[in-house]
Protein backbone atom coordinates (compact mmCIF):
# COMPACT_ATOMS: atom_id res chain seq x y z
CA UNK A 1 -56.56 -65.94 157.48
CA UNK A 2 -59.03 -63.16 156.70
CA UNK A 3 -62.49 -63.98 158.04
CA UNK A 4 -65.85 -63.56 156.25
CA UNK A 5 -67.80 -60.71 157.76
CA UNK A 6 -71.57 -60.89 157.94
CA UNK A 7 -72.64 -57.34 157.03
CA UNK A 8 -76.39 -57.68 157.05
CA UNK A 9 -79.27 -60.09 156.70
CA UNK A 10 -83.00 -60.05 156.14
CA UNK A 11 -85.76 -62.63 155.90
CA UNK A 12 -87.63 -62.80 152.57
CA UNK A 13 -91.44 -63.03 152.41
CA UNK A 14 -91.17 -66.81 152.07
CA UNK A 15 -89.01 -67.05 155.21
CA UNK A 16 -85.65 -67.58 153.50
CA UNK A 17 -82.61 -65.82 154.92
CA UNK A 18 -80.80 -63.44 152.56
CA UNK A 19 -77.43 -62.28 153.84
CA UNK A 20 -74.65 -59.97 152.70
CA UNK A 21 -71.01 -60.84 153.45
CA UNK A 22 -67.58 -59.33 152.77
CA UNK A 23 -64.25 -61.13 152.53
CA UNK A 24 -61.01 -59.44 151.67
CA UNK A 25 -62.77 -56.68 149.65
CA UNK A 26 -65.13 -59.02 147.80
CA UNK A 27 -68.85 -59.10 148.48
CA UNK A 28 -71.23 -62.08 148.52
CA UNK A 29 -74.96 -62.48 148.81
CA UNK A 30 -76.22 -65.79 150.17
CA UNK A 31 -79.67 -67.31 150.35
CA UNK A 32 -80.09 -69.76 153.22
CA UNK A 33 -76.28 -70.06 153.48
CA UNK A 34 -75.78 -70.82 149.78
CA UNK A 35 -73.93 -68.35 147.60
CA UNK A 36 -76.36 -66.52 145.31
CA UNK A 37 -74.02 -63.93 143.73
CA UNK A 38 -70.69 -62.26 144.30
CA UNK A 39 -68.64 -59.27 143.23
CA UNK A 40 -65.96 -61.73 141.97
CA UNK A 41 -68.26 -63.10 139.22
CA UNK A 42 -70.33 -60.45 137.46
CA UNK A 43 -70.18 -61.60 133.82
CA UNK A 44 -73.70 -62.96 133.61
CA UNK A 45 -75.22 -59.77 135.07
CA UNK A 46 -73.31 -57.59 132.64
CA UNK A 47 -74.02 -59.72 129.61
CA UNK A 48 -77.74 -59.84 130.51
CA UNK A 49 -77.82 -56.05 130.70
CA UNK A 50 -75.95 -55.78 127.40
CA UNK A 51 -78.36 -58.09 125.66
CA UNK A 52 -81.37 -56.28 127.07
CA UNK A 53 -80.13 -52.93 125.94
CA UNK A 54 -78.81 -53.77 122.43
CA UNK A 55 -82.16 -53.03 120.75
CA UNK A 56 -82.39 -49.70 122.51
CA UNK A 57 -79.30 -48.19 120.79
CA UNK A 58 -81.28 -46.29 118.16
CA UNK A 59 -84.31 -45.45 120.22
CA UNK A 60 -84.96 -42.09 121.89
CA UNK A 61 -87.36 -43.49 124.50
CA UNK A 62 -85.02 -45.88 126.29
CA UNK A 63 -86.75 -47.66 129.14
CA UNK A 64 -85.64 -50.71 131.04
CA UNK A 65 -87.21 -52.74 133.87
CA UNK A 66 -84.82 -54.76 136.05
CA UNK A 67 -86.26 -57.54 138.19
CA UNK A 68 -84.23 -57.54 141.44
CA UNK A 69 -81.31 -55.30 142.42
CA UNK A 70 -78.92 -57.83 143.81
CA UNK A 71 -75.39 -56.38 144.07
CA UNK A 72 -76.30 -53.74 141.51
CA UNK A 73 -74.15 -54.85 138.56
CA UNK A 74 -76.99 -55.13 136.05
CA UNK A 75 -78.30 -51.73 137.03
CA UNK A 76 -74.89 -50.15 136.72
CA UNK A 77 -74.39 -51.60 133.25
CA UNK A 78 -77.85 -50.62 132.00
CA UNK A 79 -77.24 -47.04 133.18
CA UNK A 80 -73.94 -46.99 131.33
CA UNK A 81 -75.64 -48.25 128.18
CA UNK A 82 -78.75 -46.16 127.98
CA UNK A 83 -77.34 -42.89 129.26
CA UNK A 84 -78.94 -40.10 131.18
CA UNK A 85 -81.87 -39.75 128.78
CA UNK A 86 -83.10 -43.26 129.55
CA UNK A 87 -85.43 -44.44 132.31
CA UNK A 88 -84.69 -47.46 134.48
CA UNK A 89 -87.05 -49.03 137.00
CA UNK A 90 -85.86 -51.64 139.46
CA UNK A 91 -88.43 -54.00 140.94
CA UNK A 92 -86.87 -55.04 144.26
CA UNK A 93 -89.07 -56.76 146.81
CA UNK A 94 -86.76 -56.11 149.76
CA UNK A 95 -86.13 -52.50 150.74
CA UNK A 96 -83.15 -53.79 152.76
CA UNK A 97 -81.37 -54.80 149.54
CA UNK A 98 -81.77 -51.26 148.27
CA UNK A 99 -80.34 -49.95 151.54
CA UNK A 100 -77.41 -52.39 151.34
CA UNK A 101 -76.55 -51.03 147.84
CA UNK A 102 -76.68 -47.44 149.10
CA UNK A 103 -74.92 -47.94 152.43
CA UNK A 104 -72.71 -51.01 152.22
CA UNK A 105 -72.00 -51.55 148.53
CA UNK A 106 -71.50 -48.03 147.24
CA UNK A 107 -67.80 -48.63 146.62
CA UNK A 108 -68.69 -51.41 144.13
CA UNK A 109 -70.92 -49.42 141.81
CA UNK A 110 -70.91 -45.84 142.91
CA UNK A 111 -74.15 -43.99 143.38
CA UNK A 112 -76.87 -45.91 141.64
């Protein structure tokens, strides 16, 4: 049996515990021990990014604000959709989550 590995954790401003886990190549984020998101189920993040970017297709000044980085799937999809000429801002409260994406989750989404 392959164990779950606790990769990192941080406490949020309200005192909740946010943790990052890996199991057999899949990644999970939990809040107070309850699964919040995973790399095995990314459809909602991708569809949300698609819906947000649809109206930008014909615009030259493509700008998107993403609230929360999570596992980075929404950001990855937005970057794919708006191209290099667009601007994306991510409002992430926890710098640790940004570091997790850079250091521990790079194989999921590449360099965001």
